[in-house]
């Protein structure tokens, strides 16, 4: 059987103050969470941009190397064909 008991006023005051503090800091905590999420998103965007630039540079360098190799091989092929024509005639 439960008996009603008197609650010490210090306990009720401490619970009330804890609740008031939670409500008081809620906007600050919400803004802090928003700032942290925004900072993380911007950091991810900057990282993705850097990675994209690096990958683009690698692709451009590979295309340039392949183009230069093609240009060098055209002269070699023309020389080989001319030499073959001379030797076969």
Protein backbone atom coordinates (compact mmCIF):
# COMPACT_ATOMS: atom_id res chain seq x y z
CA UNK A 1 0.00 0.00 0.00
CA UNK A 2 1.50 3.31 -1.04
CA UNK A 3 1.58 6.13 1.41
CA UNK A 4 1.74 9.75 0.30
CA UNK A 5 5.01 11.32 1.35
CA UNK A 6 6.05 14.92 1.50
CA UNK A 7 8.80 15.84 -0.94
CA UNK A 8 11.57 18.07 0.26
CA UNK A 9 11.35 21.50 -1.36
CA UNK A 10 15.08 21.37 -2.20
CA UNK A 11 14.43 18.35 -4.41
CA UNK A 12 11.57 19.99 -6.26
CA UNK A 13 13.63 23.16 -6.69
CA UNK A 14 16.58 21.23 -8.13
CA UNK A 15 14.34 19.34 -10.59
CA UNK A 16 12.68 22.59 -11.65
CA UNK A 17 16.04 24.29 -12.14
CA UNK A 18 17.33 21.35 -14.20
CA UNK A 19 14.25 21.53 -16.44
CA UNK A 20 14.60 25.30 -16.84
CA UNK A 21 18.29 24.89 -17.70
CA UNK A 22 17.48 22.26 -20.33
CA UNK A 23 14.91 24.54 -21.91
CA UNK A 24 17.26 27.52 -21.69
CA UNK A 25 20.20 25.89 -23.46
CA UNK A 26 18.11 24.11 -26.12
CA UNK A 27 18.36 26.95 -28.71
CA UNK A 28 22.12 27.22 -28.22
CA UNK A 29 22.57 23.46 -28.59
CA UNK A 30 20.39 23.45 -31.70
CA UNK A 31 22.44 26.24 -33.29
CA UNK A 32 25.68 24.47 -32.36
CA UNK A 33 24.41 21.31 -34.05
CA UNK A 34 23.45 23.31 -37.14
CA UNK A 35 26.87 24.97 -37.32
CA UNK A 36 28.63 21.64 -36.89
CA UNK A 37 26.55 20.00 -39.63
CA UNK A 38 27.14 22.95 -41.95
CA UNK A 39 30.89 22.86 -41.32
CA UNK A 40 30.98 19.13 -42.03
CA UNK A 41 29.04 19.57 -45.28
CA UNK A 42 31.34 22.36 -46.44
CA UNK A 43 34.42 20.31 -45.57
CA UNK A 44 33.05 17.38 -47.57
CA UNK A 45 32.33 19.67 -50.52
CA UNK A 46 35.88 21.06 -50.44
CA UNK A 47 37.34 17.56 -50.22
CA UNK A 48 35.22 16.36 -53.12
CA UNK A 49 36.28 19.36 -55.22
CA UNK A 50 39.95 18.66 -54.50
CA UNK A 51 39.57 14.98 -55.36
CA UNK A 52 37.76 15.86 -58.58
CA UNK A 53 40.54 18.25 -59.60
CA UNK A 54 43.17 15.61 -58.91
CA UNK A 55 41.33 12.99 -60.95
CA UNK A 56 40.82 15.45 -63.81
CA UNK A 57 44.52 16.30 -63.81
CA UNK A 58 45.47 12.62 -63.91
CA UNK A 59 43.11 12.02 -66.84
CA UNK A 60 44.43 15.06 -68.71
CA UNK A 61 48.01 13.97 -68.14
CA UNK A 62 47.24 10.46 -69.43
CA UNK A 63 45.50 11.89 -72.52
CA UNK A 64 48.44 14.19 -73.18
CA UNK A 65 50.95 11.36 -72.85
CA UNK A 66 48.92 9.19 -75.19
CA UNK A 67 48.59 12.02 -77.71
CA UNK A 68 52.34 12.68 -77.67
CA UNK A 69 53.02 8.97 -78.09
CA UNK A 70 50.66 8.94 -81.07
CA UNK A 71 52.40 11.91 -82.65
CA UNK A 72 55.80 10.27 -82.24
CA UNK A 73 54.52 6.97 -83.63
CA UNK A 74 53.09 8.63 -86.77
CA UNK A 75 56.53 9.85 -87.82
CA UNK A 76 58.01 6.43 -87.11
CA UNK A 77 55.26 4.71 -89.10
CA UNK A 78 55.74 7.05 -92.06
CA UNK A 79 59.49 6.45 -91.98
CA UNK A 80 58.96 2.69 -91.80
CA UNK A 81 56.55 2.70 -94.76
CA UNK A 82 58.90 4.86 -96.85
CA UNK A 83 61.84 2.62 -96.00
CA UNK A 84 59.83 -0.47 -96.94
CA UNK A 85 58.86 1.12 -100.28
CA UNK A 86 62.48 1.97 -101.03
CA UNK A 87 63.76 -1.48 -100.11
CA UNK A 88 61.02 -3.29 -102.08
CA UNK A 89 61.49 -1.37 -105.28
